[in-house]
Amino acid sequence: VGVAVPLLWLVPEYIGSGNFFRAADRAQDLKYLPWSPALAPDPTG
């Protein structure tokens, strides 16, 4: 499990985009998410 889970996340993403961490980059792209709590003065609150 410790080997399979990371591989299934990272390898197809690299095959499809050339970037192992493209999913993480996409999750932080807030260009079209003006409502995102990450843009609030206090995200945790």
All heavy atoms as atom14 arrays in JSON, in Angstrom:
{
  "sequence": "VGVAVPLLWLVPEYIGSGNFFRAADRAQDLKYLPWSPALAPDPTG",
  "atom14_mask": [
    [1, 1, 1, 1, 1, 1, 1, 0, 0, 0, 0, 0, 0, 0],
    [1, 1, 1, 1, 0, 0, 0, 0, 0, 0, 0, 0, 0, 0],
    [1, 1, 1, 1, 1, 1, 1, 0, 0, 0, 0, 0, 0, 0],
    [1, 1, 1, 1, 1, 0, 0, 0, 0, 0, 0, 0, 0, 0],
    [1, 1, 1, 1, 1, 1, 1, 0, 0, 0, 0, 0, 0, 0],
    [1, 1, 1, 1, 1, 1, 1, 0, 0, 0, 0, 0, 0, 0],
    [1, 1, 1, 1, 1, 1, 1, 1, 0, 0, 0, 0, 0, 0],
    [1, 1, 1, 1, 1, 1, 1, 1, 0, 0, 0, 0, 0, 0],
    [1, 1, 1, 1, 1, 1, 1, 1, 1, 1, 1, 1, 1, 1],
    [1, 1, 1, 1, 1, 1, 1, 1, 0, 0, 0, 0, 0, 0],
    [1, 1, 1, 1, 1, 1, 1, 0, 0, 0, 0, 0, 0, 0],
    [1, 1, 1, 1, 1, 1, 1, 0, 0, 0, 0, 0, 0, 0],
    [1, 1, 1, 1, 1, 1, 1, 1, 1, 0, 0, 0, 0, 0],
    [1, 1, 1, 1, 1, 1, 1, 1, 1, 1, 1, 1, 0, 0],
    [1, 1, 1, 1, 1, 1, 1, 1, 0, 0, 0, 0, 0, 0],
    [1, 1, 1, 1, 0, 0, 0, 0, 0, 0, 0, 0, 0, 0],
    [1, 1, 1, 1, 1, 1, 0, 0, 0, 0, 0, 0, 0, 0],
    [1, 1, 1, 1, 0, 0, 0, 0, 0, 0, 0, 0, 0, 0],
    [1, 1, 1, 1, 1, 1, 1, 1, 0, 0, 0, 0, 0, 0],
    [1, 1, 1, 1, 1, 1, 1, 1, 1, 1, 1, 0, 0, 0],
    [1, 1, 1, 1, 1, 1, 1, 1, 1, 1, 1, 0, 0, 0],
    [1, 1, 1, 1, 1, 1, 1, 1, 1, 1, 1, 0, 0, 0],
    [1, 1, 1, 1, 1, 0, 0, 0, 0, 0, 0, 0, 0, 0],
    [1, 1, 1, 1, 1, 0, 0, 0, 0, 0, 0, 0, 0, 0],
    [1, 1, 1, 1, 1, 1, 1, 1, 0, 0, 0, 0, 0, 0],
    [1, 1, 1, 1, 1, 1, 1, 1, 1, 1, 1, 0, 0, 0],
    [1, 1, 1, 1, 1, 0, 0, 0, 0, 0, 0, 0, 0, 0],
    [1, 1, 1, 1, 1, 1, 1, 1, 1, 0, 0, 0, 0, 0],
    [1, 1, 1, 1, 1, 1, 1, 1, 0, 0, 0, 0, 0, 0],
    [1, 1, 1, 1, 1, 1, 1, 1, 0, 0, 0, 0, 0, 0],
    [1, 1, 1, 1, 1, 1, 1, 1, 1, 0, 0, 0, 0, 0],
    [1, 1, 1, 1, 1, 1, 1, 1, 1, 1, 1, 1, 0, 0],
    [1, 1, 1, 1, 1, 1, 1, 1, 0, 0, 0, 0, 0, 0],
    [1, 1, 1, 1, 1, 1, 1, 0, 0, 0, 0, 0, 0, 0],
    [1, 1, 1, 1, 1, 1, 1, 1, 1, 1, 1, 1, 1, 1],
    [1, 1, 1, 1, 1, 1, 0, 0, 0, 0, 0, 0, 0, 0],
    [1, 1, 1, 1, 1, 1, 1, 0, 0, 0, 0, 0, 0, 0],
    [1, 1, 1, 1, 1, 0, 0, 0, 0, 0, 0, 0, 0, 0],
    [1, 1, 1, 1, 1, 1, 1, 1, 0, 0, 0, 0, 0, 0],
    [1, 1, 1, 1, 1, 0, 0, 0, 0, 0, 0, 0, 0, 0],
    [1, 1, 1, 1, 1, 1, 1, 0, 0, 0, 0, 0, 0, 0],
    [1, 1, 1, 1, 1, 1, 1, 1, 0, 0, 0, 0, 0, 0],
    [1, 1, 1, 1, 1, 1, 1, 0, 0, 0, 0, 0, 0, 0],
    [1, 1, 1, 1, 1, 1, 1, 0, 0, 0, 0, 0, 0, 0],
    [1, 1, 1, 1, 0, 0, 0, 0, 0, 0, 0, 0, 0, 0]
  ],
  "atom14_positions": [
    [[0.84, -1.2, 0.0], [0.0, 0.0, 0.0], [0.88, 1.25, 0.0], [0.61, 2.22, -0.73], [-0.95, -0.01, 1.21], [-1.57, 1.36, 1.44], [-2.05, -1.05, 1.01], [0.0, 0.0, 0.0], [0.0, 0.0, 0.0], [0.0, 0.0, 0.0], [0.0, 0.0, 0.0], [0.0, 0.0, 0.0], [0.0, 0.0, 0.0], [0.0, 0.0, 0.0]],
    [[1.93, 1.23, 0.81], [2.81, 2.39, 0.89], [3.49, 2.72, -0.41], [3.83, 3.89, -0.67], [0.0, 0.0, 0.0], [0.0, 0.0, 0.0], [0.0, 0.0, 0.0], [0.0, 0.0, 0.0], [0.0, 0.0, 0.0], [0.0, 0.0, 0.0], [0.0, 0.0, 0.0], [0.0, 0.0, 0.0], [0.0, 0.0, 0.0], [0.0, 0.0, 0.0]],
    [[3.71, 1.73, -1.25], [4.32, 1.97, -2.56], [3.26, 2.3, -3.62], [3.42, 3.23, -4.42], [5.14, 0.73, -3.0], [5.62, 0.88, -4.44], [6.33, 0.52, -2.06], [0.0, 0.0, 0.0], [0.0, 0.0, 0.0], [0.0, 0.0, 0.0], [0.0, 0.0, 0.0], [0.0, 0.0, 0.0], [0.0, 0.0, 0.0], [0.0, 0.0, 0.0]],
    [[2.15, 1.55, -3.62], [1.16, 1.68, -4.69], [0.44, 3.03, -4.65], [0.22, 3.64, -5.71], [0.15, 0.54, -4.58], [0.0, 0.0, 0.0], [0.0, 0.0, 0.0], [0.0, 0.0, 0.0], [0.0, 0.0, 0.0], [0.0, 0.0, 0.0], [0.0, 0.0, 0.0], [0.0, 0.0, 0.0], [0.0, 0.0, 0.0], [0.0, 0.0, 0.0]],
    [[0.07, 3.5, -3.47], [-0.73, 4.72, -3.39], [0.03, 5.92, -3.97], [-0.5, 6.63, -4.85], [-1.2, 4.97, -1.94], [-1.81, 6.37, -1.81], [-2.23, 3.93, -1.53], [0.0, 0.0, 0.0], [0.0, 0.0, 0.0], [0.0, 0.0, 0.0], [0.0, 0.0, 0.0], [0.0, 0.0, 0.0], [0.0, 0.0, 0.0], [0.0, 0.0, 0.0]],
    [[1.26, 6.21, -3.55], [1.97, 7.34, -4.17], [2.22, 7.16, -5.67], [2.11, 8.12, -6.44], [3.3, 7.4, -3.4], [3.04, 6.7, -2.11], [2.04, 5.63, -2.44], [0.0, 0.0, 0.0], [0.0, 0.0, 0.0], [0.0, 0.0, 0.0], [0.0, 0.0, 0.0], [0.0, 0.0, 0.0], [0.0, 0.0, 0.0], [0.0, 0.0, 0.0]],
    [[2.53, 5.93, -6.08], [2.79, 5.7, -7.5], [1.55, 6.0, -8.34], [1.65, 6.6, -9.43], [3.25, 4.26, -7.74], [4.68, 3.92, -7.33], [4.97, 2.46, -7.6], [5.69, 4.81, -8.05], [0.0, 0.0, 0.0], [0.0, 0.0, 0.0], [0.0, 0.0, 0.0], [0.0, 0.0, 0.0], [0.0, 0.0, 0.0], [0.0, 0.0, 0.0]],
    [[0.39, 5.59, -7.86], [-0.84, 5.82, -8.62], [-1.21, 7.3, -8.68], [-1.93, 7.73, -9.59], [-1.99, 5.0, -8.02], [-1.91, 3.49, -8.28], [-2.94, 2.74, -7.45], [-2.11, 3.19, -9.76], [0.0, 0.0, 0.0], [0.0, 0.0, 0.0], [0.0, 0.0, 0.0], [0.0, 0.0, 0.0], [0.0, 0.0, 0.0], [0.0, 0.0, 0.0]],
    [[-0.75, 8.07, -7.72], [-0.96, 9.51, -7.77], [0.04, 10.19, -8.71], [-0.33, 11.08, -9.49], [-0.81, 10.12, -6.37], [-2.05, 10.07, -5.54], [-2.39, 9.11, -4.63], [-3.11, 11.02, -5.54], [-3.6, 9.4, -4.06], [-4.07, 10.57, -4.6], [-3.36, 12.2, -6.23], [-5.24, 11.26, -4.34], [-4.53, 12.9, -5.97], [-5.47, 12.43, -5.03]],
    [[1.3, 9.81, -8.64], [2.35, 10.58, -9.28], [2.67, 10.16, -10.71], [2.88, 11.0, -11.58], [3.62, 10.51, -8.43], [3.5, 11.06, -7.0], [4.79, 10.86, -6.24], [3.11, 12.54, -7.03], [0.0, 0.0, 0.0], [0.0, 0.0, 0.0], [0.0, 0.0, 0.0], [0.0, 0.0, 0.0], [0.0, 0.0, 0.0], [0.0, 0.0, 0.0]],
    [[2.74, 8.84, -10.96], [3.2, 8.39, -12.28], [2.23, 8.77, -13.4], [2.65, 9.34, -14.42], [3.47, 6.87, -12.25], [3.75, 6.36, -13.66], [4.65, 6.56, -11.33], [0.0, 0.0, 0.0], [0.0, 0.0, 0.0], [0.0, 0.0, 0.0], [0.0, 0.0, 0.0], [0.0, 0.0, 0.0], [0.0, 0.0, 0.0], [0.0, 0.0, 0.0]],
    [[0.91, 8.5, -13.28], [0.01, 8.92, -14.37], [0.03, 10.43, -14.57], [-0.07, 10.9, -15.72], [-1.37, 8.43, -13.91], [-1.07, 7.31, -12.96], [0.17, 7.73, -12.25], [0.0, 0.0, 0.0], [0.0, 0.0, 0.0], [0.0, 0.0, 0.0], [0.0, 0.0, 0.0], [0.0, 0.0, 0.0], [0.0, 0.0, 0.0], [0.0, 0.0, 0.0]],
    [[0.14, 11.18, -13.49], [0.2, 12.63, -13.62], [1.44, 13.06, -14.41], [1.38, 13.97, -15.26], [0.21, 13.28, -12.23], [0.17, 14.79, -12.24], [-1.15, 15.33, -12.76], [-1.27, 15.48, -14.0], [-2.03, 15.61, -11.95], [0.0, 0.0, 0.0], [0.0, 0.0, 0.0], [0.0, 0.0, 0.0], [0.0, 0.0, 0.0], [0.0, 0.0, 0.0]],
    [[2.56, 12.39, -14.16], [3.77, 12.72, -14.91], [3.63, 12.33, -16.38], [4.06, 13.07, -17.27], [4.98, 12.0, -14.29], [6.28, 12.34, -14.97], [6.93, 13.54, -14.69], [6.86, 11.48, -15.9], [8.12, 13.87, -15.31], [8.04, 11.8, -16.54], [8.67, 12.99, -16.25], [9.84, 13.32, -16.88], [0.0, 0.0, 0.0], [0.0, 0.0, 0.0]],
    [[3.02, 11.17, -16.62], [2.8, 10.75, -18.01], [1.9, 11.75, -18.74], [2.14, 12.09, -19.91], [2.18, 9.35, -18.05], [3.18, 8.31, -17.52], [1.73, 8.98, -19.46], [2.59, 6.93, -17.33], [0.0, 0.0, 0.0], [0.0, 0.0, 0.0], [0.0, 0.0, 0.0], [0.0, 0.0, 0.0], [0.0, 0.0, 0.0], [0.0, 0.0, 0.0]],
    [[0.89, 12.24, -18.06], [-0.08, 13.12, -18.69], [0.33, 14.57, -18.8], [-0.16, 15.3, -19.67], [0.0, 0.0, 0.0], [0.0, 0.0, 0.0], [0.0, 0.0, 0.0], [0.0, 0.0, 0.0], [0.0, 0.0, 0.0], [0.0, 0.0, 0.0], [0.0, 0.0, 0.0], [0.0, 0.0, 0.0], [0.0, 0.0, 0.0], [0.0, 0.0, 0.0]],
    [[1.25, 15.02, -17.91], [1.59, 16.44, -17.91], [3.08, 16.73, -17.87], [3.49, 17.88, -18.07], [0.95, 17.12, -16.68], [1.56, 16.66, -15.48], [0.0, 0.0, 0.0], [0.0, 0.0, 0.0], [0.0, 0.0, 0.0], [0.0, 0.0, 0.0], [0.0, 0.0, 0.0], [0.0, 0.0, 0.0], [0.0, 0.0, 0.0], [0.0, 0.0, 0.0]],
    [[3.9, 15.7, -17.59], [5.33, 15.94, -17.46], [5.71, 16.55, -16.13], [6.85, 16.99, -15.95], [0.0, 0.0, 0.0], [0.0, 0.0, 0.0], [0.0, 0.0, 0.0], [0.0, 0.0, 0.0], [0.0, 0.0, 0.0], [0.0, 0.0, 0.0], [0.0, 0.0, 0.0], [0.0, 0.0, 0.0], [0.0, 0.0, 0.0], [0.0, 0.0, 0.0]],
    [[4.78, 16.56, -15.19], [5.02, 17.17, -13.88], [4.41, 16.27, -12.81], [3.19, 16.09, -12.76], [4.39, 18.57, -13.83], [4.59, 19.25, -12.48], [5.18, 18.69, -11.55], [4.07, 20.46, -12.36], [0.0, 0.0, 0.0], [0.0, 0.0, 0.0], [0.0, 0.0, 0.0], [0.0, 0.0, 0.0], [0.0, 0.0, 0.0], [0.0, 0.0, 0.0]],
    [[5.27, 15.68, -11.96], [4.76, 14.8, -10.92], [3.75, 15.49, -10.01], [2.84, 14.86, -9.49], [5.92, 14.27, -10.06], [6.74, 13.2, -10.71], [8.05, 13.43, -11.08], [6.19, 11.94, -10.96], [8.82, 12.43, -11.68], [6.94, 10.94, -11.56], [8.25, 11.18, -11.91], [0.0, 0.0, 0.0], [0.0, 0.0, 0.0], [0.0, 0.0, 0.0]],
    [[3.91, 16.79, -9.83], [3.11, 17.52, -8.83], [2.15, 18.51, -9.48], [1.78, 19.51, -8.88], [4.04, 18.24, -7.85], [5.02, 17.31, -7.17], [6.34, 17.28, -7.56], [4.59, 16.43, -6.19], [7.24, 16.41, -6.96], [5.47, 15.55, -5.6], [6.8, 15.53, -5.98], [0.0, 0.0, 0.0], [0.0, 0.0, 0.0], [0.0, 0.0, 0.0]],
    [[1.74, 18.23, -10.73], [0.8, 19.11, -11.41], [-0.51, 19.22, -10.65], [-1.12, 20.29, -10.58], [0.54, 18.56, -12.82], [0.06, 19.58, -13.85], [-1.4, 19.95, -13.76], [-2.31, 18.84, -13.78], [-3.64, 18.97, -13.81], [-4.2, 20.17, -13.81], [-4.43, 17.91, -13.8], [0.0, 0.0, 0.0], [0.0, 0.0, 0.0], [0.0, 0.0, 0.0]],
    [[-0.95, 18.12, -10.02], [-2.21, 18.15, -9.26], [-2.13, 19.15, -8.12], [-3.08, 19.89, -7.86], [-2.53, 16.75, -8.73], [0.0, 0.0, 0.0], [0.0, 0.0, 0.0], [0.0, 0.0, 0.0], [0.0, 0.0, 0.0], [0.0, 0.0, 0.0], [0.0, 0.0, 0.0], [0.0, 0.0, 0.0], [0.0, 0.0, 0.0], [0.0, 0.0, 0.0]],
    [[-1.0, 19.16, -7.41], [-0.83, 20.12, -6.32], [-0.81, 21.55, -6.84], [-1.4, 22.46, -6.23], [0.46, 19.81, -5.55], [0.0, 0.0, 0.0], [0.0, 0.0, 0.0], [0.0, 0.0, 0.0], [0.0, 0.0, 0.0], [0.0, 0.0, 0.0], [0.0, 0.0, 0.0], [0.0, 0.0, 0.0], [0.0, 0.0, 0.0], [0.0, 0.0, 0.0]],
    [[-0.14, 21.77, -7.98], [-0.11, 23.1, -8.56], [-1.51, 23.55, -8.97], [-1.89, 24.71, -8.75], [0.81, 23.12, -9.79], [2.27, 22.83, -9.44], [2.63, 22.99, -8.25], [3.02, 22.42, -10.35], [0.0, 0.0, 0.0], [0.0, 0.0, 0.0], [0.0, 0.0, 0.0], [0.0, 0.0, 0.0], [0.0, 0.0, 0.0], [0.0, 0.0, 0.0]],
    [[-2.28, 22.63, -9.55], [-3.64, 22.98, -9.99], [-4.52, 23.3, -8.79], [-5.34, 24.22, -8.85], [-4.23, 21.8, -10.77], [-5.71, 21.98, -11.15], [-5.87, 23.16, -12.09], [-7.26, 23.31, -12.51], [-8.18, 23.97, -11.82], [-7.86, 24.55, -10.67], [-9.43, 24.08, -12.27], [0.0, 0.0, 0.0], [0.0, 0.0, 0.0], [0.0, 0.0, 0.0]],
    [[-4.35, 22.59, -7.68], [-5.18, 22.82, -6.5], [-4.91, 24.19, -5.88], [-5.72, 24.68, -5.09], [-4.94, 21.73, -5.47], [0.0, 0.0, 0.0], [0.0, 0.0, 0.0], [0.0, 0.0, 0.0], [0.0, 0.0, 0.0], [0.0, 0.0, 0.0], [0.0, 0.0, 0.0], [0.0, 0.0, 0.0], [0.0, 0.0, 0.0], [0.0, 0.0, 0.0]],
    [[-3.76, 24.8, -6.22], [-3.43, 26.13, -5.69], [-3.66, 27.24, -6.7], [-3.34, 28.4, -6.43], [-1.97, 26.14, -5.23], [-1.69, 25.17, -4.09], [-0.24, 25.2, -3.66], [0.2, 26.11, -2.95], [0.53, 24.22, -4.1], [0.0, 0.0, 0.0], [0.0, 0.0, 0.0], [0.0, 0.0, 0.0], [0.0, 0.0, 0.0], [0.0, 0.0, 0.0]],
    [[-4.23, 26.9, -7.85], [-4.55, 27.9, -8.86], [-5.92, 28.49, -8.55], [-6.95, 27.86, -8.81], [-4.52, 27.26, -10.25], [-4.79, 28.26, -11.36], [-4.95, 29.46, -11.05], [-4.84, 27.85, -12.54], [0.0, 0.0, 0.0], [0.0, 0.0, 0.0], [0.0, 0.0, 0.0], [0.0, 0.0, 0.0], [0.0, 0.0, 0.0], [0.0, 0.0, 0.0]],
    [[-5.95, 29.68, -8.01], [-7.2, 30.28, -7.54], [-7.71, 31.37, -8.48], [-8.57, 32.17, -8.11], [-6.98, 30.88, -6.13], [-6.37, 29.93, -5.09], [-6.19, 30.66, -3.77], [-7.24, 28.7, -4.91], [0.0, 0.0, 0.0], [0.0, 0.0, 0.0], [0.0, 0.0, 0.0], [0.0, 0.0, 0.0], [0.0, 0.0, 0.0], [0.0, 0.0, 0.0]],
    [[-7.22, 31.37, -9.71], [-7.56, 32.43, -10.65], [-9.06, 32.55, -10.86], [-9.61, 33.66, -10.94], [-6.86, 32.17, -11.99], [-7.15, 33.21, -13.07], [-6.42, 32.88, -14.35], [-6.72, 33.9, -15.44], [-6.03, 33.57, -16.71], [0.0, 0.0, 0.0], [0.0, 0.0, 0.0], [0.0, 0.0, 0.0], [0.0, 0.0, 0.0], [0.0, 0.0, 0.0]],
    [[-9.74, 31.41, -10.95], [-11.18, 31.43, -11.22], [-12.0, 31.05, -9.97], [-13.14, 30.62, -10.08], [-11.51, 30.48, -12.37], [-10.87, 30.9, -13.67], [-9.71, 30.28, -14.13], [-11.41, 31.94, -14.42], [-9.11, 30.67, -15.33], [-10.82, 32.35, -15.61], [-9.67, 31.71, -16.06], [-9.08, 32.11, -17.23], [0.0, 0.0, 0.0], [0.0, 0.0, 0.0]],
    [[-11.38, 31.21, -8.8], [-12.06, 30.87, -7.54], [-12.01, 32.06, -6.59], [-11.39, 32.02, -5.53], [-11.41, 29.65, -6.89], [-11.37, 28.36, -7.73], [-10.57, 27.28, -7.0], [-12.78, 27.87, -8.0], [0.0, 0.0, 0.0], [0.0, 0.0, 0.0], [0.0, 0.0, 0.0], [0.0, 0.0, 0.0], [0.0, 0.0, 0.0], [0.0, 0.0, 0.0]],
    [[-12.66, 33.17, -6.93], [-12.58, 34.36, -6.07], [-13.2, 34.15, -4.7], [-12.92, 34.92, -3.78], [-13.35, 35.42, -6.88], [-14.26, 34.64, -7.77], [-13.51, 33.39, -8.13], [0.0, 0.0, 0.0], [0.0, 0.0, 0.0], [0.0, 0.0, 0.0], [0.0, 0.0, 0.0], [0.0, 0.0, 0.0], [0.0, 0.0, 0.0], [0.0, 0.0, 0.0]],
    [[-14.03, 33.11, -4.56], [-14.68, 32.83, -3.28], [-13.8, 31.99, -2.35], [-14.18, 31.73, -1.21], [-15.98, 32.05, -3.53], [-15.78, 30.88, -4.44], [-16.0, 30.84, -5.78], [-15.26, 29.59, -4.1], [-15.67, 29.62, -6.3], [-15.21, 28.82, -5.28], [-14.84, 29.0, -2.92], [-14.76, 27.51, -5.3], [-14.38, 27.69, -2.93], [-14.34, 26.96, -4.11]],
    [[-12.65, 31.54, -2.8], [-11.84, 30.59, -2.05], [-11.47, 31.12, -0.66], [-11.02, 32.27, -0.53], [-10.56, 30.25, -2.82], [-9.67, 29.5, -2.0], [0.0, 0.0, 0.0], [0.0, 0.0, 0.0], [0.0, 0.0, 0.0], [0.0, 0.0, 0.0], [0.0, 0.0, 0.0], [0.0, 0.0, 0.0], [0.0, 0.0, 0.0], [0.0, 0.0, 0.0]],
    [[-11.62, 30.3, 0.38], [-11.18, 30.71, 1.72], [-9.7, 31.04, 1.79], [-9.26, 31.78, 2.67], [-11.51, 29.48, 2.59], [-12.58, 28.77, 1.86], [-12.28, 28.98, 0.4], [0.0, 0.0, 0.0], [0.0, 0.0, 0.0], [0.0, 0.0, 0.0], [0.0, 0.0, 0.0], [0.0, 0.0, 0.0], [0.0, 0.0, 0.0], [0.0, 0.0, 0.0]],
    [[-8.91, 30.48, 0.86], [-7.48, 30.78, 0.86], [-7.21, 32.26, 0.61], [-6.14, 32.78, 0.96], [-6.77, 29.93, -0.2], [0.0, 0.0, 0.0], [0.0, 0.0, 0.0], [0.0, 0.0, 0.0], [0.0, 0.0, 0.0], [0.0, 0.0, 0.0], [0.0, 0.0, 0.0], [0.0, 0.0, 0.0], [0.0, 0.0, 0.0], [0.0, 0.0, 0.0]],
    [[-8.16, 32.96, -0.01], [-8.0, 34.38, -0.3], [-8.56, 35.27, 0.81], [-8.45, 36.5, 0.73], [-8.7, 34.72, -1.63], [-8.19, 33.95, -2.86], [-9.04, 34.29, -4.08], [-6.73, 34.25, -3.12], [0.0, 0.0, 0.0], [0.0, 0.0, 0.0], [0.0, 0.0, 0.0], [0.0, 0.0, 0.0], [0.0, 0.0, 0.0], [0.0, 0.0, 0.0]],
    [[-9.15, 34.66, 1.83], [-9.71, 35.42, 2.94], [-8.59, 35.93, 3.85], [-7.5, 35.35, 3.89], [-10.68, 34.55, 3.74], [0.0, 0.0, 0.0], [0.0, 0.0, 0.0], [0.0, 0.0, 0.0], [0.0, 0.0, 0.0], [0.0, 0.0, 0.0], [0.0, 0.0, 0.0], [0.0, 0.0, 0.0], [0.0, 0.0, 0.0], [0.0, 0.0, 0.0]],
    [[-8.83, 37.0, 4.6], [-7.8, 37.49, 5.53], [-7.39, 36.45, 6.57], [-6.24, 36.41, 7.0], [-8.48, 38.7, 6.2], [-9.54, 39.12, 5.24], [-10.01, 37.88, 4.56], [0.0, 0.0, 0.0], [0.0, 0.0, 0.0], [0.0, 0.0, 0.0], [0.0, 0.0, 0.0], [0.0, 0.0, 0.0], [0.0, 0.0, 0.0], [0.0, 0.0, 0.0]],
    [[-8.35, 35.6, 6.98], [-8.08, 34.55, 7.96], [-8.59, 33.22, 7.39], [-9.72, 32.82, 7.67], [-8.77, 34.87, 9.28], [-8.55, 33.8, 10.35], [-7.66, 32.94, 10.16], [-9.26, 33.82, 11.38], [0.0, 0.0, 0.0], [0.0, 0.0, 0.0], [0.0, 0.0, 0.0], [0.0, 0.0, 0.0], [0.0, 0.0, 0.0], [0.0, 0.0, 0.0]],
    [[-7.78, 32.52, 6.58], [-8.26, 31.28, 5.96], [-8.72, 30.23, 6.96], [-9.75, 29.58, 6.74], [-7.03, 30.8, 5.18], [-6.25, 32.03, 4.88], [-6.44, 32.89, 6.1], [0.0, 0.0, 0.0], [0.0, 0.0, 0.0], [0.0, 0.0, 0.0], [0.0, 0.0, 0.0], [0.0, 0.0, 0.0], [0.0, 0.0, 0.0], [0.0, 0.0, 0.0]],
    [[-8.0, 30.06, 8.07], [-8.42, 29.06, 9.06], [-9.76, 29.42, 9.67], [-10.64, 28.56, 9.83], [-7.35, 28.93, 10.15], [-6.14, 28.42, 9.58], [-7.81, 27.98, 11.25], [0.0, 0.0, 0.0], [0.0, 0.0, 0.0], [0.0, 0.0, 0.0], [0.0, 0.0, 0.0], [0.0, 0.0, 0.0], [0.0, 0.0, 0.0], [0.0, 0.0, 0.0]],
    [[-9.93, 30.69, 10.01], [-11.22, 31.12, 10.56], [-12.35, 30.9, 9.58], [-13.45, 30.5, 9.96], [0.0, 0.0, 0.0], [0.0, 0.0, 0.0], [0.0, 0.0, 0.0], [0.0, 0.0, 0.0], [0.0, 0.0, 0.0], [0.0, 0.0, 0.0], [0.0, 0.0, 0.0], [0.0, 0.0, 0.0], [0.0, 0.0, 0.0], [0.0, 0.0, 0.0]]
  ]
}
